[in-house]
């Protein structure tokens, strides 16, 4: 088969970013560009199918486990098909399926593809370009971030959060593979992630602070305690930079402490803001215990008195907790598949591998589990898609046995 000049994987990531830009454009200029968003989703779906068809990895580890996981996802999707023809909300359900769910439940197919290092380099370049775009926009609107430190302007706060999460979260892979890249690239990348963390604190988004903070912690752990030859060679430099960044962060936090008061107030409340909805979830599921096992399908709902999304009853199709959301859709079976695949992939990618790339991908999987403990909902973004790219890398016998020197020649960003 003739090798494509531009991989489908690169196009998938590029159009994911285009979709985010369309959503932001709609929010700012109040235009309805739904047809464009649906078209992009269908295009990405087509590219994923094409990538799996033309670039399947026949030598994957744990392929059978991933195959059974996909069967369960198909069952979940088919259980939701009748909702698309419901007499009341079929139009709304169809829109949600096209804009979000189509991609969320197609991304797992990327576990089966053969990842080429050159593809990852192109994606990393794309990530940092959009990361710089995020940084410029955020600096321009920084005064608005500092002004709206509560829910007095909820629409702006949610849009700001969307901008904050979709772009900088895609730089986590670049952060964890920093030893492959130039100092200039690493400095820009670290600046963007630290700035995103600062904005998350201002907006009091606890889960986002946990996500970015954990990623920084993982990066520090990897570069200071990793056992690959490249990490050992750069050990002193990595330790010095880590120490400097800790001191800088502490000083910066002290100088800007007044901007963190809202975050500290929300931190003290814990999960009190969600406890009523969580209690409703448990009460409703306990009435039908089988749902704990099999879930309620991709359009599954539960009865909740607060913040209902339905006009005719008190049903909700979303709960602000990643683990419970997975149970809502696919039950304990679904979340058990997720846990097994992640832990086995982590073992392959972190313990058995000989390079930073595989270990970085393994840590991204653990970061996903940390994210699930908080909000951590599945989205049609790079942040969620990269989970399945990471699984593919960690289960690729060809990649985990590569040395850092071999990968460095193909992935380095300058």
Protein backbone atom coordinates (compact mmCIF):
# COMPACT_ATOMS: atom_id res chain seq x y z
CA UNK A 1 0.00 0.00 0.00
CA UNK A 2 1.35 3.42 -0.94
CA UNK A 3 2.18 5.55 2.07
CA UNK A 4 0.08 8.68 2.41
CA UNK A 5 1.85 12.04 2.52
CA UNK A 6 -0.55 13.28 5.18
CA UNK A 7 -1.79 10.66 7.61
CA UNK A 8 -5.42 10.31 8.55
CA UNK A 9 -4.38 10.66 12.18
CA UNK A 10 -2.97 14.14 11.55
CA UNK A 11 -6.15 15.17 9.74
CA UNK A 12 -8.27 13.84 12.62
CA UNK A 13 -6.44 16.03 15.13
CA UNK A 14 -6.49 19.06 12.82
CA UNK A 15 -10.24 18.88 12.33
CA UNK A 16 -10.81 18.33 16.04
CA UNK A 17 -9.19 21.73 16.53
CA UNK A 18 -11.31 23.21 13.74
CA UNK A 19 -14.41 21.94 15.52
CA UNK A 20 -13.34 23.66 18.74
CA UNK A 21 -12.74 26.91 16.84
CA UNK A 22 -16.21 26.68 15.33
CA UNK A 23 -17.73 26.31 18.81
CA UNK A 24 -15.76 29.32 20.09
CA UNK A 25 -16.76 31.35 17.03
CA UNK A 26 -20.41 30.53 17.70
CA UNK A 27 -20.08 31.65 21.31
CA UNK A 28 -18.39 34.96 20.50
CA UNK A 29 -20.41 36.04 17.45
CA UNK A 30 -23.69 34.24 18.30
CA UNK A 31 -23.83 32.44 14.93
CA UNK A 32 -25.37 29.00 14.55
CA UNK A 33 -22.84 26.84 12.74
CA UNK A 34 -24.32 23.49 13.75
CA UNK A 35 -24.26 22.09 10.20
CA UNK A 36 -20.53 22.79 9.97
CA UNK A 37 -19.93 21.08 13.33
CA UNK A 38 -21.93 18.03 12.24
CA UNK A 39 -20.05 17.91 8.95
CA UNK A 40 -16.71 18.00 10.76
CA UNK A 41 -17.81 15.20 13.11
CA UNK A 42 -18.86 12.99 10.22
CA UNK A 43 -15.59 13.74 8.40
CA UNK A 44 -13.54 12.78 11.48
CA UNK A 45 -15.63 9.62 11.90
CA UNK A 46 -14.88 8.69 8.28
CA UNK A 47 -11.15 9.34 8.76
CA UNK A 48 -11.02 7.17 11.89
CA UNK A 49 -12.69 4.29 10.04
CA UNK A 50 -10.28 4.77 7.13
CA UNK A 51 -7.26 4.86 9.43
CA UNK A 52 -8.27 1.64 11.18
CA UNK A 53 -9.02 -0.05 7.87
CA UNK A 54 -5.74 0.92 6.20
CA UNK A 55 -3.37 1.04 9.13
CA UNK A 56 -4.33 -1.72 11.57
CA UNK A 57 -1.61 -3.09 13.84
CA UNK A 58 -1.71 -6.88 13.59
CA UNK A 59 0.82 -7.38 16.38
CA UNK A 60 -0.86 -5.49 19.22
CA UNK A 61 -0.60 -6.84 22.73
CA UNK A 62 -3.93 -7.49 24.53
CA UNK A 63 -5.84 -7.20 21.24
CA UNK A 64 -8.60 -9.59 22.38
CA UNK A 65 -9.39 -7.54 25.48
CA UNK A 66 -9.70 -4.38 23.39
CA UNK A 67 -11.88 -6.22 20.88
CA UNK A 68 -14.38 -7.29 23.57
CA UNK A 69 -14.36 -3.72 24.88
CA UNK A 70 -15.41 -2.51 21.44
CA UNK A 71 -18.21 -5.07 21.32
CA UNK A 72 -19.57 -3.66 24.58
CA UNK A 73 -19.40 -0.13 23.16
CA UNK A 74 -21.37 -1.28 20.10
CA UNK A 75 -24.01 -2.74 22.42
CA UNK A 76 -24.19 0.57 24.32
CA UNK A 77 -24.60 2.51 21.07
CA UNK A 78 -27.30 0.18 19.72
CA UNK A 79 -29.22 0.51 22.98
CA UNK A 80 -29.35 4.25 22.30
CA UNK A 81 -30.63 4.01 18.72
CA UNK A 82 -34.36 3.92 19.69
CA UNK A 83 -33.87 7.29 21.40
CA UNK A 84 -32.99 8.83 18.03
CA UNK A 85 -36.56 8.10 16.88
CA UNK A 86 -38.29 9.18 20.09
CA UNK A 87 -41.36 11.26 19.34
CA UNK A 88 -40.44 14.05 21.74
CA UNK A 89 -36.71 14.71 21.81
CA UNK A 90 -35.42 12.82 18.78
CA UNK A 91 -34.14 16.00 17.13
CA UNK A 92 -32.21 17.09 20.24
CA UNK A 93 -30.85 13.58 20.75
CA UNK A 94 -29.75 13.34 17.11
CA UNK A 95 -27.93 16.68 17.36
CA UNK A 96 -26.11 15.56 20.49
CA UNK A 97 -25.19 12.28 18.82
CA UNK A 98 -23.72 14.00 15.77
CA UNK A 99 -21.87 16.71 17.69
CA UNK A 100 -20.45 14.61 20.56
CA UNK A 101 -21.35 10.96 20.92
CA UNK A 102 -20.45 9.87 17.39
CA UNK A 103 -16.81 10.70 18.06
CA UNK A 104 -16.70 9.76 21.74
CA UNK A 105 -17.68 6.17 20.93
CA UNK A 106 -15.58 6.00 17.74
CA UNK A 107 -12.29 7.18 19.29
CA UNK A 108 -11.68 3.74 20.94
CA UNK A 109 -11.12 2.28 17.47
CA UNK A 110 -7.81 4.14 17.46
CA UNK A 111 -6.51 1.56 19.94
CA UNK A 112 -6.03 -0.80 17.00
CA UNK A 113 -3.99 1.39 14.65
CA UNK A 114 -0.28 1.20 13.94
CA UNK A 115 1.28 4.40 15.31
CA UNK A 116 4.19 5.85 13.37
CA UNK A 117 6.58 8.15 15.23
CA UNK A 118 6.55 10.63 12.33
CA UNK A 119 2.77 10.97 12.76
CA UNK A 120 3.20 11.83 16.41
CA UNK A 121 5.77 14.50 15.58
CA UNK A 122 3.33 16.21 13.19
CA UNK A 123 0.61 16.09 15.85
CA UNK A 124 2.94 17.58 18.47
CA UNK A 125 3.78 20.44 16.09
CA UNK A 126 0.07 21.04 15.57
CA UNK A 127 -0.57 20.98 19.31
CA UNK A 128 1.99 23.63 20.08
CA UNK A 129 0.73 25.90 17.27
CA UNK A 130 -2.77 25.85 18.75
CA UNK A 131 -1.28 26.14 22.24
CA UNK A 132 0.38 29.41 21.23
CA UNK A 133 -2.94 30.55 19.75
CA UNK A 134 -4.59 29.80 23.11
CA UNK A 135 -1.91 31.73 24.97
CA UNK A 136 -2.31 34.83 22.79
CA UNK A 137 -6.11 34.83 23.10
CA UNK A 138 -5.95 34.26 26.85
CA UNK A 139 -3.51 37.12 27.37
CA UNK A 140 -5.75 39.45 25.37
CA UNK A 141 -8.76 38.54 27.52
CA UNK A 142 -6.83 38.19 30.78
CA UNK A 143 -8.63 41.15 32.37
CA UNK A 144 -11.95 39.35 31.85
CA UNK A 145 -10.60 36.23 33.54
CA UNK A 146 -9.56 38.25 36.58
CA UNK A 147 -12.86 40.15 36.64
CA UNK A 148 -15.25 37.20 36.55
CA UNK A 149 -14.06 35.24 39.55
CA UNK A 150 -17.53 33.90 40.37
CA UNK A 151 -20.58 32.66 38.52
CA UNK A 152 -21.94 36.18 37.94
CA UNK A 153 -21.34 35.70 34.21
CA UNK A 154 -21.85 31.98 33.77
CA UNK A 155 -21.83 31.96 29.96
CA UNK A 156 -18.47 33.71 29.75
CA UNK A 157 -17.04 31.52 32.50
CA UNK A 158 -18.03 28.33 30.65
CA UNK A 159 -16.64 29.59 27.35
CA UNK A 160 -13.40 30.60 29.06
CA UNK A 161 -13.16 27.16 30.63
CA UNK A 162 -13.71 25.50 27.26
CA UNK A 163 -10.89 27.54 25.74
CA UNK A 164 -8.68 26.78 28.73
CA UNK A 165 -9.17 23.00 28.58
CA UNK A 166 -9.33 22.14 24.89
CA UNK A 167 -6.06 23.72 23.77
CA UNK A 168 -3.53 23.47 26.63
CA UNK A 169 -4.57 19.96 27.68
CA UNK A 170 -3.30 18.72 24.31
CA UNK A 171 0.19 19.87 25.33
CA UNK A 172 0.46 17.31 28.14
CA UNK A 173 2.08 14.78 25.79
CA UNK A 174 4.62 17.41 24.76
CA UNK A 175 5.28 18.14 28.43
CA UNK A 176 5.92 14.50 29.28
CA UNK A 177 8.25 14.01 26.29
CA UNK A 178 10.23 17.21 26.93
CA UNK A 179 13.62 15.43 26.83
CA UNK A 180 13.11 14.83 23.10
CA UNK A 181 12.63 18.54 22.30
CA UNK A 182 14.61 21.76 22.24
CA UNK A 183 14.77 24.14 25.21
CA UNK A 184 12.80 26.73 23.25
CA UNK A 185 9.91 24.35 22.59
CA UNK A 186 9.89 23.18 26.21
CA UNK A 187 9.92 26.74 27.55
CA UNK A 188 6.95 27.75 25.40
CA UNK A 189 5.07 24.60 26.29
CA UNK A 190 5.68 24.94 30.03
CA UNK A 191 4.68 28.61 29.95
CA UNK A 192 1.33 27.75 28.32
CA UNK A 193 0.54 24.96 30.78
CA UNK A 194 1.47 27.09 33.82
CA UNK A 195 -0.65 29.94 32.48
CA UNK A 196 -3.58 27.57 31.91
CA UNK A 197 -3.23 26.33 35.49
CA UNK A 198 -3.23 29.93 36.72
CA UNK A 199 -6.42 30.67 34.76
CA UNK A 200 -8.00 27.50 36.14
CA UNK A 201 -7.29 28.71 39.67
CA UNK A 202 -8.80 32.13 38.93
CA UNK A 203 -11.97 30.50 37.55
CA UNK A 204 -11.99 28.09 40.53
CA UNK A 205 -12.10 25.02 38.29
CA UNK A 206 -10.87 22.47 40.81
CA UNK A 207 -10.79 19.52 38.45
CA UNK A 208 -8.79 21.44 35.85
CA UNK A 209 -6.26 22.49 38.49
CA UNK A 210 -6.01 18.84 39.55
CA UNK A 211 -5.55 17.77 35.90
CA UNK A 212 -2.80 20.26 35.04
CA UNK A 213 -1.18 19.98 38.46
CA UNK A 214 -1.02 16.19 38.25
CA UNK A 215 0.43 16.39 34.73
CA UNK A 216 3.18 18.70 35.99
CA UNK A 217 3.82 16.34 38.90
CA UNK A 218 4.05 13.34 36.54
CA UNK A 219 6.44 15.23 34.28
CA UNK A 220 8.64 16.10 37.24
CA UNK A 221 8.60 12.50 38.43
CA UNK A 222 9.43 11.14 34.98
CA UNK A 223 12.37 13.43 34.21
CA UNK A 224 13.89 13.14 37.70
CA UNK A 225 13.34 9.45 38.40
CA UNK A 226 12.96 7.81 34.97
CA UNK A 227 15.36 4.99 34.13
CA UNK A 228 15.97 5.44 30.41
CA UNK A 229 19.45 6.37 29.18
CA UNK A 230 18.34 9.80 27.91
CA UNK A 231 16.76 10.68 31.27
CA UNK A 232 19.85 9.56 33.19
CA UNK A 233 22.02 11.69 30.91
CA UNK A 234 19.92 14.82 31.62
CA UNK A 235 19.25 14.06 35.31
CA UNK A 236 21.09 17.05 36.83
CA UNK A 237 19.62 19.53 34.34
CA UNK A 238 16.10 18.17 34.87
CA UNK A 239 16.44 18.32 38.63
CA UNK A 240 17.71 21.91 38.49
CA UNK A 241 14.84 23.05 36.25
CA UNK A 242 12.27 21.27 38.44
CA UNK A 243 13.66 22.93 41.59
CA UNK A 244 13.61 26.36 39.90
CA UNK A 245 10.02 25.90 38.72
CA UNK A 246 8.85 24.93 42.23
CA UNK A 247 10.45 28.05 43.72
CA UNK A 248 9.08 30.23 40.93
CA UNK A 249 5.56 28.80 41.36
CA UNK A 250 5.59 29.38 45.12
CA UNK A 251 6.76 32.99 44.71
CA UNK A 252 4.24 33.63 41.94
CA UNK A 253 1.41 32.15 44.02
CA UNK A 254 2.39 34.32 46.98
CA UNK A 255 2.40 37.50 44.90
CA UNK A 256 -1.01 36.69 43.39
CA UNK A 257 -2.66 35.17 46.45
CA UNK A 258 -5.57 37.63 46.31
CA UNK A 259 -6.67 36.15 42.98
CA UNK A 260 -6.90 32.65 44.49
CA UNK A 261 -9.51 33.38 47.17
CA UNK A 262 -12.48 32.10 45.13
CA UNK A 263 -10.61 28.87 44.37
CA UNK A 264 -9.79 28.37 48.06
CA UNK A 265 -13.44 28.96 48.98
CA UNK A 266 -14.60 26.29 46.51
CA UNK A 267 -11.89 23.90 47.64
CA UNK A 268 -13.21 24.08 51.20
CA UNK A 269 -16.68 23.06 50.04
CA UNK A 270 -15.36 19.75 48.64
CA UNK A 271 -18.07 17.95 46.65
CA UNK A 272 -20.97 19.61 48.46
CA UNK A 273 -22.04 21.33 45.24
CA UNK A 274 -22.61 17.92 43.62
CA UNK A 275 -23.70 15.79 46.55
CA UNK A 276 -27.45 16.19 45.87
CA UNK A 277 -27.11 15.05 42.26
CA UNK A 278 -24.87 12.14 43.27
CA UNK A 279 -27.40 11.08 45.93
CA UNK A 280 -30.15 11.19 43.30
CA UNK A 281 -28.03 9.03 41.01
CA UNK A 282 -27.49 6.37 43.66
CA UNK A 283 -31.16 6.41 44.67
CA UNK A 284 -32.36 6.02 41.08
CA UNK A 285 -29.89 3.25 40.21
CA UNK A 286 -30.62 1.34 43.40
CA UNK A 287 -34.24 1.05 42.24
CA UNK A 288 -33.02 -0.97 39.23
CA UNK A 289 -29.86 -2.78 40.43
CA UNK A 290 -29.20 -4.37 37.03
CA UNK A 291 -28.35 -0.93 35.70
CA UNK A 292 -25.27 -0.90 37.91
CA UNK A 293 -24.02 -3.82 35.84
CA UNK A 294 -25.02 -2.91 32.28
CA UNK A 295 -25.72 0.84 32.46
CA UNK A 296 -28.47 2.56 30.50
CA UNK A 297 -26.88 3.04 27.07
CA UNK A 298 -25.29 6.11 25.54
CA UNK A 299 -28.48 8.13 26.01
CA UNK A 300 -29.14 6.80 29.50
CA UNK A 301 -30.63 9.17 32.05
CA UNK A 302 -31.37 9.22 35.76
CA UNK A 303 -33.94 11.07 37.82
CA UNK A 304 -32.66 14.12 39.66
CA UNK A 305 -34.52 16.98 41.27
CA UNK A 306 -31.75 19.49 40.63
CA UNK A 307 -30.58 20.96 37.31
CA UNK A 308 -32.79 18.75 35.18
CA UNK A 309 -32.11 18.91 31.45
CA UNK A 310 -35.58 17.73 30.41
CA UNK A 311 -38.74 19.77 29.87
CA UNK A 312 -41.12 16.94 30.76
CA UNK A 313 -39.54 15.21 33.76
CA UNK A 314 -36.62 15.44 36.16
CA UNK A 315 -34.23 13.36 34.08
CA UNK A 316 -30.54 14.09 33.46
CA UNK A 317 -28.14 12.44 31.03
CA UNK A 318 -25.03 13.85 32.71
CA UNK A 319 -23.53 13.58 36.16
CA UNK A 320 -20.51 15.67 37.10
CA UNK A 321 -18.27 12.74 37.91
CA UNK A 322 -16.32 10.77 35.34
CA UNK A 323 -16.64 7.36 37.00
CA UNK A 324 -20.38 7.65 37.60
CA UNK A 325 -20.87 8.91 34.04
CA UNK A 326 -19.22 5.77 32.67
CA UNK A 327 -21.46 3.65 34.90
CA UNK A 328 -24.52 5.58 33.73
CA UNK A 329 -23.75 4.77 30.11
CA UNK A 330 -22.22 1.29 30.31
CA UNK A 331 -22.36 0.07 33.88
CA UNK A 332 -19.68 -1.73 35.86
CA UNK A 333 -18.91 -3.81 32.75
CA UNK A 334 -17.88 -0.68 30.85
CA UNK A 335 -15.73 0.78 33.61
CA UNK A 336 -14.14 -2.63 34.28
CA UNK A 337 -13.04 -2.85 30.65
CA UNK A 338 -11.61 0.69 30.88
CA UNK A 339 -9.71 -0.09 34.09
CA UNK A 340 -8.30 -3.41 32.83
CA UNK A 341 -7.13 -1.96 29.52
CA UNK A 342 -5.53 1.05 31.20
CA UNK A 343 -3.68 -0.90 33.89
CA UNK A 344 -2.40 -3.58 31.48
CA UNK A 345 -1.39 -0.90 28.96
CA UNK A 346 0.35 1.03 31.74
CA UNK A 347 2.35 -2.07 32.63
CA UNK A 348 3.41 -2.55 29.01
CA UNK A 349 4.18 1.11 28.39
CA UNK A 350 5.85 2.06 31.67
CA UNK A 351 7.43 -1.11 33.08
CA UNK A 352 8.31 -3.07 29.95
CA UNK A 353 9.28 -0.18 27.67
CA UNK A 354 12.78 1.18 27.06
CA UNK A 355 11.91 4.75 26.06
CA UNK A 356 10.39 7.99 27.36
CA UNK A 357 7.65 8.05 24.71
CA UNK A 358 6.02 4.82 25.90
CA UNK A 359 6.38 5.83 29.55
CA UNK A 360 4.80 9.21 28.78
CA UNK A 361 1.84 7.55 27.11
CA UNK A 362 1.48 5.24 30.12
CA UNK A 363 1.38 8.24 32.47
CA UNK A 364 -1.30 9.87 30.30
CA UNK A 365 -3.47 6.82 31.01
CA UNK A 366 -3.01 7.26 34.78
CA UNK A 367 -3.74 10.98 34.36
CA UNK A 368 -7.05 9.98 32.75
CA UNK A 369 -7.92 7.92 35.84
CA UNK A 370 -7.11 10.91 38.05
CA UNK A 371 -9.34 13.05 35.85
CA UNK A 372 -12.19 10.55 36.21
CA UNK A 373 -12.18 11.02 39.98
CA UNK A 374 -13.36 14.58 39.44
CA UNK A 375 -15.35 15.89 36.50
CA UNK A 376 -13.43 14.06 33.76
CA UNK A 377 -16.25 13.55 31.26
CA UNK A 378 -15.62 12.11 27.79
CA UNK A 379 -15.50 14.77 25.07
CA UNK A 380 -14.94 14.92 21.31
CA UNK A 381 -11.53 16.56 21.79
CA UNK A 382 -7.84 15.70 21.57
CA UNK A 383 -7.72 15.40 25.36
CA UNK A 384 -9.99 12.34 25.21
CA UNK A 385 -8.83 10.98 21.85
CA UNK A 386 -5.19 10.79 23.00
CA UNK A 387 -6.19 8.19 25.62
CA UNK A 388 -6.69 5.63 22.85
CA UNK A 389 -3.59 6.74 20.98
CA UNK A 390 -1.70 6.12 24.23
CA UNK A 391 -3.22 2.64 24.55
CA UNK A 392 -2.08 1.83 21.01
CA UNK A 393 1.47 3.01 21.73
CA UNK A 394 1.71 1.13 25.03
CA UNK A 395 0.55 -2.09 23.37
CA UNK A 396 2.77 -1.79 20.31
CA UNK A 397 5.67 -4.29 20.54
CA UNK A 398 7.55 -2.27 17.93
CA UNK A 399 7.43 1.02 19.85
CA UNK A 400 8.04 -0.13 23.42
CA UNK A 401 11.30 -1.82 22.41
CA UNK A 402 12.72 1.27 20.63
CA UNK A 403 15.55 3.18 22.28
CA UNK A 404 15.34 6.90 23.02
CA UNK A 405 18.05 7.61 20.47
CA UNK A 406 15.96 5.98 17.73
CA UNK A 407 12.86 7.96 18.70
CA UNK A 408 14.80 11.20 19.14
CA UNK A 409 15.75 11.22 15.45
CA UNK A 410 12.09 11.06 14.42
CA UNK A 411 10.20 13.06 17.02
CA UNK A 412 12.43 15.94 18.11
CA UNK A 413 10.90 19.42 17.89
CA UNK A 414 13.25 22.40 17.57
